[in-house]
Protein backbone atom coordinates (compact mmCIF):
# COMPACT_ATOMS: atom_id res chain seq x y z
CA MET A 1 130.75 54.13 0.68
CA PRO A 2 133.03 51.12 1.17
CA HIS A 3 135.30 50.27 -1.73
CA CYS A 4 133.62 47.38 -3.55
CA GLU A 5 132.35 46.96 -7.06
CA ASN A 6 128.60 47.39 -7.53
CA PHE A 7 128.29 43.96 -9.12
CA ALA A 8 129.99 42.15 -6.22
CA PRO A 9 127.86 39.63 -4.30
CA ILE A 10 126.17 41.21 -1.29
CA ILE A 11 126.70 39.85 2.22
CA LEU A 12 124.55 40.65 5.23
CA THR A 13 125.59 39.48 8.65
CA GLY A 14 125.44 40.83 12.17
CA ASP A 15 125.00 40.28 15.89
CA ARG A 16 122.66 41.19 18.70
CA PRO A 17 124.43 43.62 21.09
CA THR A 18 123.70 41.72 24.27
CA GLY A 19 127.35 41.71 25.34
CA PRO A 20 130.90 41.70 23.97
CA LEU A 21 131.72 39.07 21.35
CA HIS A 22 133.56 35.83 22.06
CA LEU A 23 135.51 33.05 20.35
CA GLY A 24 132.28 31.38 19.21
CA HIS A 25 131.48 34.50 17.19
CA TYR A 26 135.05 34.55 15.89
CA VAL A 27 134.98 31.06 14.38
CA GLY A 28 131.29 31.32 13.52
CA THR A 29 131.27 34.48 11.41
CA LEU A 30 133.95 37.06 12.23
CA LYS A 31 136.77 35.23 10.43
CA ASN A 32 134.58 34.91 7.35
CA ARG A 33 133.66 38.58 7.44
CA VAL A 34 137.29 39.63 7.43
CA ALA A 35 138.17 37.10 4.71
CA MET A 36 135.26 38.00 2.41
CA GLN A 37 135.01 41.76 2.79
CA ARG A 38 137.28 42.60 -0.15
CA SER A 39 135.51 40.29 -2.60
CA HIS A 40 131.93 41.13 -1.58
CA ARG A 41 129.89 44.16 -0.76
CA GLN A 42 129.41 43.51 2.92
CA PHE A 43 126.94 44.97 5.41
CA VAL A 44 127.24 44.16 9.11
CA LEU A 45 124.14 44.90 11.16
CA ILE A 46 124.24 45.56 14.88
CA ALA A 47 120.80 44.14 15.62
CA ASP A 48 119.78 46.23 18.63
CA ALA A 49 116.06 46.07 17.80
CA GLN A 50 116.22 42.29 17.64
CA GLY A 51 118.10 42.32 20.93
CA LEU A 52 114.98 43.71 22.57
CA THR A 53 112.93 40.60 21.70
CA ASP A 54 114.09 39.01 24.96
CA ASN A 55 115.59 42.05 26.69
CA ALA A 56 112.67 44.45 26.64
CA ASP A 57 112.86 44.79 30.43
CA ASN A 58 116.54 45.77 30.22
CA PRO A 59 117.03 48.04 27.18
CA ASP A 60 120.11 49.61 28.76
CA ARG A 61 121.91 46.30 28.27
CA ILE A 62 121.34 46.63 24.54
CA ARG A 63 122.21 50.32 24.33
CA ARG A 64 125.53 50.09 26.18
CA ASN A 65 126.71 47.08 24.17
CA VAL A 66 126.25 48.67 20.73
CA ILE A 67 129.68 50.32 20.96
CA GLU A 68 131.19 47.21 22.57
CA VAL A 69 130.18 45.07 19.60
CA CYS A 70 131.38 47.69 17.13
CA LEU A 71 134.74 47.75 18.92
CA ASP A 72 134.99 43.97 18.54
CA TYR A 73 134.27 44.22 14.81
CA LEU A 74 136.98 46.78 14.23
CA ALA A 75 139.47 45.01 16.50
CA VAL A 76 139.27 41.69 14.62
CA GLY A 77 139.82 43.42 11.27
CA VAL A 78 136.39 44.30 9.91
CA ASP A 79 137.42 47.34 7.85
CA PRO A 80 134.99 50.26 7.30
CA ALA A 81 136.76 50.89 3.99
CA TYR A 82 135.30 47.60 2.75
CA THR A 83 132.44 46.81 5.14
CA THR A 84 129.43 48.93 6.05
CA ILE A 85 128.63 48.67 9.76
CA CYS A 86 125.12 49.88 10.63
CA LEU A 87 122.58 50.09 13.45
CA GLN A 88 119.34 48.17 12.95
CA SER A 89 117.02 50.42 14.97
CA SER A 90 117.99 53.44 12.87
CA LEU A 91 116.81 51.83 9.63
CA SER A 92 113.06 52.38 9.53
CA ALA A 93 112.67 50.50 6.22
CA LEU A 94 113.37 47.26 8.07
CA ASN A 95 110.33 47.77 10.28
CA GLU A 96 108.04 48.43 7.31
CA LEU A 97 109.30 45.39 5.43
CA THR A 98 108.76 43.24 8.52
CA LEU A 99 105.15 44.44 8.72
CA PHE A 100 104.54 43.53 5.07
CA TYR A 101 106.25 40.13 5.35
CA LEU A 102 104.19 39.11 8.40
CA ASN A 103 101.28 38.71 5.98
CA TYR A 104 103.20 36.01 4.09
CA VAL A 105 103.94 33.65 6.99
CA THR A 106 101.74 31.82 9.50
CA VAL A 107 102.12 31.48 13.25
CA ALA A 108 102.26 27.70 12.80
CA ARG A 109 105.19 28.06 10.40
CA LEU A 110 107.04 30.29 12.83
CA GLU A 111 106.52 27.81 15.65
CA ARG A 112 107.85 24.98 13.48
CA ASN A 113 111.10 26.85 12.79
CA PRO A 114 113.78 24.68 14.47
CA THR A 115 115.81 27.70 15.56
CA ILE A 116 112.79 29.26 17.25
CA LYS A 117 111.75 25.97 18.87
CA ASP A 118 115.22 25.46 20.32
CA GLU A 119 115.48 29.02 21.64
CA ILE A 120 111.99 28.87 23.20
CA ARG A 121 112.99 25.67 25.00
CA THR A 122 116.35 27.11 26.12
CA ARG A 123 114.77 30.26 27.52
CA GLY A 124 111.90 28.41 29.17
CA PHE A 125 109.20 30.62 27.63
CA GLY A 126 106.60 27.87 27.46
CA ARG A 127 103.55 29.56 25.92
CA ASP A 128 104.54 32.99 27.25
CA ILE A 129 106.51 33.74 24.11
CA PRO A 130 107.06 37.43 23.37
CA ALA A 131 105.46 38.12 19.97
CA GLY A 132 108.60 39.94 18.85
CA PHE A 133 110.67 36.85 19.66
CA LEU A 134 108.36 34.50 17.81
CA CYS A 135 108.42 36.77 14.76
CA TYR A 136 112.12 37.50 14.64
CA PRO A 137 112.70 35.18 11.65
CA VAL A 138 110.43 37.56 9.73
CA ALA A 139 112.42 40.54 10.98
CA GLN A 140 115.61 38.80 9.89
CA ALA A 141 114.06 38.19 6.48
CA ALA A 142 113.45 41.93 6.30
CA ASP A 143 117.06 42.61 7.23
CA ILE A 144 118.44 40.23 4.61
CA THR A 145 116.17 41.28 1.78
CA ALA A 146 116.43 45.01 2.50
CA PHE A 147 120.09 44.81 1.50
CA LYS A 148 119.31 42.29 -1.28
CA ALA A 149 121.89 40.01 0.26
CA THR A 150 122.65 36.79 -1.57
CA VAL A 151 125.25 35.52 0.93
CA VAL A 152 124.55 35.23 4.67
CA PRO A 153 127.30 33.75 6.91
CA VAL A 154 125.59 31.97 9.82
CA GLY A 155 126.06 29.16 12.29
CA ASP A 156 124.37 25.87 11.42
CA ASP A 157 121.64 26.60 13.98
CA GLN A 158 120.59 29.66 11.96
CA VAL A 159 120.15 27.91 8.60
CA PRO A 160 116.37 27.52 9.16
CA ILE A 161 116.13 31.32 9.33
CA ILE A 162 117.61 31.59 5.85
CA GLU A 163 115.26 28.90 4.57
CA GLN A 164 112.29 30.83 5.94
CA THR A 165 113.62 34.05 4.42
CA ASN A 166 113.70 32.40 1.01
CA GLU A 167 110.13 31.16 1.45
CA ILE A 168 109.03 34.75 1.99
CA VAL A 169 111.09 35.93 -0.98
CA ARG A 170 109.41 33.38 -3.24
CA ARG A 171 105.96 34.46 -2.08
CA ILE A 172 106.73 38.13 -2.70
CA ASN A 173 108.13 37.36 -6.15
CA ARG A 174 105.08 35.25 -7.04
CA GLN A 175 102.80 38.03 -5.86
CA ALA A 176 104.65 40.50 -8.08
CA ALA A 177 104.97 38.01 -10.99
CA ARG A 178 108.64 38.95 -11.30
CA GLU A 179 111.86 38.76 -9.33
CA VAL A 180 111.80 41.66 -6.92
CA LEU A 181 114.08 40.12 -4.30
CA PRO A 182 116.93 37.61 -4.62
CA GLU A 183 117.15 34.42 -2.57
CA ALA A 184 120.01 34.15 -0.10
CA LYS A 185 122.52 31.37 0.46
CA ALA A 186 123.64 30.43 3.96
CA VAL A 187 127.41 30.10 4.37
CA VAL A 188 128.21 27.86 7.35
CA PRO A 189 131.77 27.72 8.74
CA LYS A 190 133.53 24.35 8.67
CA ILE A 191 133.90 24.25 12.44
CA GLY A 192 130.22 24.85 13.12
CA ARG A 193 129.22 25.64 16.68
CA LEU A 194 132.07 26.09 19.14
CA PRO A 195 131.20 24.42 22.46
CA GLY A 196 131.47 26.45 25.62
CA ILE A 197 134.31 25.85 28.04
CA ASP A 198 131.97 23.63 30.05
CA GLY A 199 131.60 21.31 27.06
CA GLU A 200 127.86 21.04 27.64
CA ARG A 201 126.45 23.53 25.14
CA LYS A 202 127.50 26.08 22.55
CA MET A 203 129.55 29.04 23.72
CA SER A 204 127.12 31.69 24.90
CA LYS A 205 127.16 34.98 26.75
CA SER A 206 124.02 34.03 28.65
CA GLN A 207 125.42 30.66 29.79
CA GLY A 208 128.64 32.12 31.23
CA ASN A 209 130.81 29.63 29.33
CA ALA A 210 132.50 31.99 26.88
CA ILE A 211 136.01 33.33 26.27
CA TYR A 212 135.70 36.92 25.09
CA LEU A 213 137.78 38.56 22.38
CA SER A 214 138.81 41.14 24.98
CA ALA A 215 139.89 38.51 27.54
CA SER A 216 143.12 39.11 29.45
CA ARG A 217 145.88 36.52 29.67
CA ASP A 218 144.72 35.61 33.18
CA GLU A 219 141.09 35.26 32.06
CA ILE A 220 142.16 32.98 29.21
CA GLY A 221 144.19 30.84 31.60
CA THR A 222 141.33 30.57 34.09
CA ALA A 223 138.91 29.54 31.35
CA VAL A 224 141.23 26.92 29.90
CA ARG A 225 141.95 25.41 33.30
CA ARG A 226 138.18 24.95 33.79
CA MET A 227 137.89 22.85 30.62
CA TYR A 228 137.15 19.15 30.90
CA THR A 229 139.45 16.71 29.15
CA ASP A 230 139.08 12.94 29.62
CA PRO A 231 137.92 11.99 33.15
CA GLY A 232 139.60 8.60 32.73
CA HIS A 233 143.00 10.19 32.01
CA LEU A 234 144.24 10.26 35.61
CA ARG A 235 147.99 9.92 35.05
CA VAL A 236 150.29 11.20 32.32
CA SER A 237 151.03 7.62 31.30
CA ASP A 238 147.34 6.72 30.91
CA PRO A 239 145.89 6.52 27.38
CA GLY A 240 143.39 9.32 26.84
CA LYS A 241 140.35 9.94 24.66
CA ILE A 242 140.31 12.65 22.02
CA GLU A 243 136.59 12.47 21.28
CA GLY A 244 134.63 14.87 23.47
CA ASN A 245 137.84 16.40 24.82
CA ILE A 246 137.13 20.14 24.75
CA VAL A 247 140.81 21.12 24.81
CA PHE A 248 141.41 19.26 21.55
CA THR A 249 138.23 20.76 20.09
CA TYR A 250 139.70 24.21 20.71
CA LEU A 251 143.13 23.23 19.42
CA ASP A 252 141.52 21.99 16.20
CA ALA A 253 139.71 25.32 15.90
CA PHE A 254 142.56 27.70 16.74
CA ASP A 255 145.99 26.08 16.57
CA PRO A 256 147.53 26.88 13.17
CA ASP A 257 150.07 24.02 13.46
CA VAL A 258 147.89 21.12 12.29
CA ASP A 259 150.77 18.62 12.30
CA ALA A 260 151.72 19.48 15.87
CA VAL A 261 148.12 18.98 17.00
CA ALA A 262 148.06 15.59 15.26
CA ASP A 263 151.22 14.61 17.17
CA LEU A 264 149.64 15.75 20.43
CA LYS A 265 146.59 13.60 19.73
CA ALA A 266 148.75 10.56 19.05
CA SER A 267 150.70 11.07 22.29
CA TYR A 268 147.52 11.56 24.30
CA ARG A 269 145.88 8.45 22.88
CA HIS A 270 148.88 6.24 23.64
CA GLY A 271 149.76 7.82 26.98
CA GLY A 272 152.59 10.19 27.74
CA LEU A 273 150.93 13.59 27.50
CA GLY A 274 149.46 15.22 30.59
CA ASP A 275 146.42 17.48 30.76
CA ILE A 276 148.44 20.33 32.26
CA ALA A 277 150.87 20.41 29.33
CA LEU A 278 147.97 20.16 26.89
CA LYS A 279 146.15 23.07 28.48
CA GLN A 280 149.31 25.16 28.60
CA ARG A 281 149.61 24.83 24.84
CA LEU A 282 146.00 25.89 24.35
CA GLU A 283 146.48 28.88 26.67
CA GLN A 284 149.40 30.04 24.52
CA VAL A 285 147.52 29.47 21.27
CA LEU A 286 144.54 31.52 22.49
CA GLU A 287 146.74 34.26 23.93
CA THR A 288 148.55 34.54 20.59
CA LEU A 289 145.21 34.92 18.83
CA ILE A 290 143.51 37.26 21.30
CA ALA A 291 146.40 39.51 22.38
CA PRO A 292 146.55 41.63 19.18
CA ILE A 293 142.73 41.85 19.10
CA ARG A 294 142.72 42.94 22.73
CA GLU A 295 145.39 45.58 22.09
CA ARG A 296 143.64 47.01 19.01
CA ARG A 297 140.37 47.07 20.91
CA ALA A 298 141.91 49.01 23.81
CA GLU A 299 143.38 51.56 21.40
CA LEU A 300 140.05 52.01 19.60
CA ALA A 301 138.21 52.36 22.93
CA ARG A 302 140.32 55.44 23.66
CA ARG A 303 138.73 57.10 20.58
CA PRO A 304 134.98 56.48 21.05
CA ASP A 305 134.00 59.35 18.77
CA ASP A 306 135.78 57.66 15.88
CA VAL A 307 133.89 54.41 16.56
CA ILE A 308 130.55 56.25 16.67
CA ASP A 309 131.42 58.01 13.42
CA VAL A 310 132.02 54.63 11.71
CA LEU A 311 128.59 53.52 12.87
CA ARG A 312 126.93 56.79 11.88
CA GLN A 313 128.37 56.79 8.36
CA GLY A 314 127.58 53.14 7.82
CA THR A 315 124.01 53.63 8.96
CA LYS A 316 123.60 56.59 6.60
CA THR A 317 124.73 54.46 3.67
CA SER A 318 122.48 51.59 4.75
CA ARG A 319 119.47 53.86 5.12
CA PHE A 320 119.69 54.80 1.45
CA VAL A 321 120.05 51.15 0.34
CA THR A 322 117.19 49.84 2.47
CA GLN A 323 114.78 52.65 1.59
CA GLN A 324 115.34 51.92 -2.08
CA THR A 325 114.44 48.25 -1.54
CA LEU A 326 111.36 49.25 0.46
CA SER A 327 110.15 51.41 -2.41
CA GLU A 328 110.58 48.52 -4.84
CA VAL A 329 108.67 46.12 -2.58
CA ARG A 330 105.82 48.59 -2.04
CA GLU A 331 105.49 49.04 -5.78
CA ALA A 332 105.67 45.28 -6.42
CA LEU A 333 102.88 44.63 -3.91
CA GLY A 334 100.69 47.21 -5.61
CA LEU A 335 100.42 49.48 -2.58
CA PHE A 336 99.02 52.96 -3.03
CA ILE A 337 101.98 55.34 -3.04
CA LEU A 338 101.66 59.05 -2.30
CA ALA A 339 104.27 61.34 -3.83
């Protein structure tokens, strides 16, 4: 059991194992997980079952990335002494809670969920929406409530999922005429969504516009050189625009020297700073951030049994917690219970 007081606020967070994690995950939730794990009781869920909602024809992609995602967690500083890392598909209570909760939400409400609407449009499902995909906000509600989480770090695009979770919680509590489950609060990072290196959309594994936490120095350099700056900034002496300049977006997100970045912006606006020099600084900033993560990850990858043991122990702990919540919900709903 991770070292955290029983009365500490409970966090649930996690990721679908559809590939290794990237800088968007880092600014979106990973930094918060590391920062909050000593003051909260934190559970991190590797959501392999949810990963199947749009990868059912390629389950091997999900299976092989479970360890990859766990490696990323440990490499960035998620500590099993303070954080419980667990595997979603091995927690049967989550499936039962999902089944119960589906009776407390309508198809129309699921289709109105902004997160679902955006993802359906992005994936081009049209009306051929996998039922598991449409219902994944209910599955996420089961995940959150099974751990009785009151704090859920998410990107701003996931806030509607938390709102829908709380709607279900309120319905369950009204049905039971008492508080069985707590409502959860979404914690959104200040930076919000990190755009991909193409500047057109958020950083995403599926869009091929990501910089991974395991990226080599050469891969970082290649990605940075692909970034758009200001198309009107043709010469070093030309004044340049900061707004919409992806290199500055990344410097704001990752460069710890805020004053130096402010000076760079002033020089760029007035003319006198070239794109090559600007990108060279960003390359160094990202290499400084990623290099120790990359090295820790490589070391951990040489001990796969240790990584699997972290996941096994965390799942064992989580199974006890989630089964206890399931029992409480079954009782609250007045279901017939056999000893």
